[in-house]
N, C-alpha and C. Protein backbone atom coordinates (compact mmCIF):
# COMPACT_ATOMS: atom_id res chain seq x y z
N MET A 1 -43.49 -85.59 -12.04
CA MET A 1 -43.07 -84.16 -12.46
C MET A 1 -41.66 -83.82 -13.20
N SER A 2 -41.91 -83.18 -14.17
CA SER A 2 -40.70 -82.93 -14.70
C SER A 2 -39.93 -81.56 -13.84
N LEU A 3 -38.53 -81.78 -14.58
CA LEU A 3 -37.82 -80.55 -13.78
C LEU A 3 -38.19 -79.31 -14.05
N LEU A 4 -38.66 -79.06 -15.60
CA LEU A 4 -39.43 -77.58 -15.58
C LEU A 4 -40.89 -77.02 -14.95
N GLN A 5 -41.14 -78.30 -14.02
CA GLN A 5 -42.54 -77.90 -13.97
C GLN A 5 -42.82 -77.75 -12.22
N CYS A 6 -41.60 -78.38 -11.94
CA CYS A 6 -41.03 -78.09 -10.49
C CYS A 6 -40.86 -76.54 -9.88
N PRO A 7 -41.66 -75.96 -8.76
CA PRO A 7 -41.83 -75.19 -8.25
C PRO A 7 -40.73 -74.18 -7.69
N ILE A 8 -40.03 -74.87 -7.50
CA ILE A 8 -38.26 -74.54 -6.80
C ILE A 8 -37.11 -74.32 -8.17
N TYR A 9 -37.77 -75.07 -9.17
CA TYR A 9 -36.66 -74.77 -10.11
C TYR A 9 -37.19 -73.97 -11.34
N SER A 10 -36.32 -72.47 -11.51
CA SER A 10 -37.35 -71.66 -12.64
C SER A 10 -35.97 -71.21 -13.35
N GLY A 11 -35.51 -71.68 -13.95
CA GLY A 11 -34.58 -71.80 -14.88
C GLY A 11 -33.14 -71.69 -14.73
N ALA A 12 -32.23 -71.51 -15.74
CA ALA A 12 -30.95 -71.19 -15.39
C ALA A 12 -30.31 -70.96 -14.48
N PHE A 13 -30.85 -69.77 -13.34
CA PHE A 13 -30.46 -69.26 -12.49
C PHE A 13 -30.78 -69.45 -11.11
N GLY A 14 -31.92 -70.44 -11.15
CA GLY A 14 -32.40 -71.14 -9.79
C GLY A 14 -33.58 -69.95 -9.49
N PRO A 15 -34.02 -70.15 -8.30
CA PRO A 15 -35.30 -69.29 -7.75
C PRO A 15 -34.93 -67.53 -7.71
N PHE A 16 -33.87 -67.17 -7.81
CA PHE A 16 -33.30 -66.30 -7.68
C PHE A 16 -33.28 -65.21 -8.79
N ALA A 17 -33.54 -66.04 -9.86
CA ALA A 17 -33.50 -65.27 -11.15
C ALA A 17 -33.90 -63.76 -11.01
N TRP A 18 -35.23 -63.43 -10.26
CA TRP A 18 -35.84 -61.62 -10.26
C TRP A 18 -34.48 -60.92 -9.77
N VAL A 19 -33.47 -61.50 -8.66
CA VAL A 19 -32.64 -60.76 -7.86
C VAL A 19 -31.85 -60.12 -8.87
N PHE A 20 -31.22 -61.15 -10.02
CA PHE A 20 -29.84 -60.61 -10.90
C PHE A 20 -30.77 -59.70 -11.92
N MET A 21 -31.68 -59.93 -12.32
CA MET A 21 -32.85 -59.26 -13.18
C MET A 21 -33.24 -57.38 -12.54
N LEU A 22 -32.97 -57.69 -11.40
CA LEU A 22 -33.34 -56.31 -10.69
C LEU A 22 -31.79 -55.65 -10.75
N ILE A 23 -30.88 -56.74 -10.27
CA ILE A 23 -29.32 -56.03 -10.19
C ILE A 23 -29.05 -55.19 -11.38
N GLY A 24 -29.18 -56.37 -12.28
CA GLY A 24 -28.85 -56.18 -13.82
C GLY A 24 -29.54 -54.45 -14.46
N GLY A 25 -30.71 -54.39 -13.85
CA GLY A 25 -31.51 -53.24 -14.40
C GLY A 25 -31.14 -52.43 -13.60
N VAL A 26 -30.72 -52.33 -12.79
CA VAL A 26 -30.36 -51.24 -11.71
C VAL A 26 -29.26 -50.54 -12.15
N ALA A 27 -28.24 -51.33 -12.53
CA ALA A 27 -26.94 -51.32 -13.10
C ALA A 27 -26.87 -50.59 -14.38
N ALA A 28 -27.93 -51.08 -15.29
CA ALA A 28 -27.74 -50.28 -16.36
C ALA A 28 -28.39 -48.63 -16.32
N LEU A 29 -29.51 -48.55 -15.73
CA LEU A 29 -30.18 -47.49 -15.29
C LEU A 29 -29.14 -47.02 -14.96
N VAL A 30 -28.26 -46.99 -13.89
CA VAL A 30 -27.20 -46.19 -13.11
C VAL A 30 -26.03 -46.01 -14.73
N ILE A 31 -25.87 -46.94 -15.67
CA ILE A 31 -24.67 -46.51 -16.32
C ILE A 31 -25.47 -45.12 -17.71
N GLY A 32 -26.25 -45.49 -17.59
CA GLY A 32 -27.04 -44.99 -18.72
C GLY A 32 -27.23 -43.41 -17.92
N ILE A 33 -27.58 -43.02 -16.93
CA ILE A 33 -27.91 -41.63 -16.08
C ILE A 33 -26.43 -41.25 -15.91
N LEU A 34 -25.48 -41.99 -16.07
CA LEU A 34 -23.98 -41.04 -15.34
C LEU A 34 -23.21 -41.13 -17.36
N ILE A 35 -23.78 -41.73 -18.27
CA ILE A 35 -23.64 -41.59 -19.79
C ILE A 35 -23.90 -40.10 -20.06
N ALA A 36 -25.12 -40.02 -19.75
CA ALA A 36 -26.45 -39.23 -20.09
C ALA A 36 -25.72 -37.73 -19.30
N ASN A 37 -25.75 -38.14 -18.11
CA ASN A 37 -24.65 -36.79 -17.45
C ASN A 37 -23.43 -36.22 -17.88
N TYR A 38 -22.78 -36.95 -18.48
CA TYR A 38 -21.43 -36.38 -19.28
C TYR A 38 -21.35 -35.80 -20.33
N MET A 39 -22.29 -36.57 -21.69
CA MET A 39 -22.92 -35.93 -22.56
C MET A 39 -23.49 -35.09 -22.45
N HIS A 40 -24.65 -34.39 -21.73
CA HIS A 40 -25.03 -33.27 -21.20
C HIS A 40 -23.94 -31.92 -20.64
N LYS A 41 -22.89 -32.48 -20.06
CA LYS A 41 -22.15 -31.42 -19.42
C LYS A 41 -21.20 -30.99 -20.51
N ASP A 42 -20.54 -32.00 -21.14
CA ASP A 42 -19.59 -31.60 -22.76
C ASP A 42 -20.65 -31.29 -23.57
N ALA A 43 -21.65 -31.53 -23.87
CA ALA A 43 -22.39 -30.70 -25.06
C ALA A 43 -22.50 -28.99 -24.79
N ILE A 44 -22.72 -29.01 -23.24
CA ILE A 44 -22.58 -27.63 -22.69
C ILE A 44 -21.67 -26.57 -23.21
N LYS A 45 -20.43 -27.32 -22.35
CA LYS A 45 -19.05 -26.83 -23.03
C LYS A 45 -18.59 -26.60 -24.15
N ARG A 46 -19.06 -27.29 -25.05
CA ARG A 46 -19.33 -27.21 -26.70
C ARG A 46 -20.07 -26.13 -27.57
N GLY A 47 -21.04 -25.85 -26.53
CA GLY A 47 -22.04 -24.87 -27.14
C GLY A 47 -23.37 -25.86 -27.68
N ILE A 48 -23.67 -27.15 -28.16
CA ILE A 48 -24.37 -27.51 -28.44
C ILE A 48 -25.34 -27.73 -28.06
N ASN A 49 -26.56 -28.43 -28.66
CA ASN A 49 -27.73 -28.64 -27.87
C ASN A 49 -27.72 -29.54 -27.02
N ALA A 50 -27.70 -29.16 -25.76
CA ALA A 50 -27.07 -30.36 -24.43
C ALA A 50 -28.28 -31.01 -24.09
N GLU A 51 -29.67 -30.62 -24.11
CA GLU A 51 -30.93 -30.96 -23.87
C GLU A 51 -31.04 -32.34 -24.49
N PHE A 52 -31.21 -32.35 -25.93
CA PHE A 52 -31.00 -33.49 -27.17
C PHE A 52 -30.28 -34.80 -26.33
N TRP A 53 -28.69 -34.09 -26.05
CA TRP A 53 -28.08 -35.60 -26.19
C TRP A 53 -28.48 -35.86 -24.76
N LEU A 54 -28.78 -35.23 -23.39
CA LEU A 54 -29.00 -35.92 -22.28
C LEU A 54 -30.35 -36.86 -22.73
N VAL A 55 -31.45 -36.18 -23.10
CA VAL A 55 -32.17 -37.19 -23.66
C VAL A 55 -31.88 -38.67 -24.50
N PHE A 56 -30.91 -38.32 -25.96
CA PHE A 56 -30.07 -39.06 -26.29
C PHE A 56 -29.75 -40.01 -25.72
N GLY A 57 -29.04 -39.81 -24.64
CA GLY A 57 -28.08 -40.47 -23.61
C GLY A 57 -29.09 -41.70 -22.97
N LEU A 58 -29.72 -40.92 -22.12
CA LEU A 58 -30.67 -41.81 -21.35
C LEU A 58 -31.74 -43.00 -22.22
N PHE A 59 -31.83 -42.88 -23.47
CA PHE A 59 -32.52 -43.39 -23.99
C PHE A 59 -31.58 -44.88 -24.68
N PHE A 60 -30.31 -44.58 -25.15
CA PHE A 60 -29.13 -44.65 -26.21
C PHE A 60 -28.16 -45.45 -25.55
N SER A 61 -27.53 -44.70 -24.11
CA SER A 61 -26.74 -45.02 -23.24
C SER A 61 -25.85 -45.30 -24.19
N VAL A 62 -24.77 -46.71 -24.37
CA VAL A 62 -23.08 -46.33 -24.44
C VAL A 62 -23.46 -46.62 -26.40
N PHE A 63 -24.74 -46.94 -26.95
CA PHE A 63 -24.41 -46.61 -28.65
C PHE A 63 -25.02 -44.76 -28.55
N GLY A 64 -24.96 -44.36 -27.93
CA GLY A 64 -25.53 -42.63 -28.00
C GLY A 64 -24.43 -42.09 -27.57
N LEU A 65 -23.23 -42.69 -26.67
CA LEU A 65 -22.08 -41.98 -26.15
C LEU A 65 -21.12 -42.36 -27.38
N ILE A 66 -21.71 -43.22 -28.16
CA ILE A 66 -20.62 -43.87 -29.16
C ILE A 66 -20.67 -42.67 -30.02
N LEU A 67 -21.99 -42.57 -30.69
CA LEU A 67 -22.75 -41.49 -31.69
C LEU A 67 -22.18 -40.29 -31.39
N TYR A 68 -22.15 -40.05 -30.40
CA TYR A 68 -21.63 -38.59 -29.62
C TYR A 68 -20.70 -38.06 -29.89
N PHE A 69 -19.52 -39.34 -29.66
CA PHE A 69 -18.42 -38.84 -29.53
C PHE A 69 -18.16 -38.82 -31.46
N ILE A 70 -18.44 -39.37 -32.40
CA ILE A 70 -18.55 -39.34 -33.82
C ILE A 70 -18.91 -37.87 -34.11
N VAL A 71 -20.03 -37.31 -33.68
CA VAL A 71 -20.74 -35.79 -34.10
C VAL A 71 -20.51 -34.94 -33.19
N ARG A 72 -19.88 -35.27 -32.25
CA ARG A 72 -19.08 -33.96 -31.33
C ARG A 72 -18.02 -33.46 -32.59
N ASN A 73 -17.27 -34.53 -32.64
CA ASN A 73 -16.31 -33.84 -33.72
C ASN A 73 -16.59 -33.45 -35.06
N ASN A 74 -17.44 -33.21 -35.27
CA ASN A 74 -18.13 -32.34 -36.59
C ASN A 74 -18.46 -31.45 -36.08
N TYR A 75 -18.64 -30.99 -35.33
CA TYR A 75 -19.26 -30.07 -34.80
C TYR A 75 -18.26 -28.91 -34.62
N ASN A 76 -16.81 -29.47 -33.94
CA ASN A 76 -15.34 -28.62 -33.80
C ASN A 76 -15.07 -28.79 -35.13
N GLN A 77 -15.24 -29.50 -36.11
CA GLN A 77 -14.57 -28.77 -37.60
C GLN A 77 -15.64 -27.98 -38.18
N GLU A 78 -16.87 -28.12 -38.32
CA GLU A 78 -17.72 -26.50 -38.62
C GLU A 78 -17.87 -25.23 -38.17
N ARG A 79 -16.86 -25.42 -37.32
CA ARG A 79 -16.86 -23.86 -36.26
C ARG A 79 -15.40 -23.80 -36.50
N LYS A 80 -14.40 -24.64 -36.81
CA LYS A 80 -13.20 -23.90 -37.32
C LYS A 80 -12.81 -23.45 -38.92
N GLU A 81 -14.23 -23.53 -39.74
CA GLU A 81 -14.42 -23.40 -40.94
C GLU A 81 -14.58 -21.89 -41.07
C-alpha cells in the first residue's frame, strides 16, 4: 500500500485538513462581511450608491475595497467641479 492510499494520510495537512479549510473559510467570510460593512457605511456618508458597494464588497472583499478606494475619490472630484 502506498502512502497516498493510506486512510490516515490525506495530504500535506494530515487528516485534519478539513478543520483548516473550515477555519480559513469562516475567516474569509468574516473579513468579507467587515469590509462590506465599512464600504456600506462610508458610501452612505458620501451619498453614493451604498447597496451596490455592500454587495460588491461581499463578493470581491479585498479587491472590492481597493477598487472602492479608487472610485470614491472620483466621486469627490466630480462633486467639487
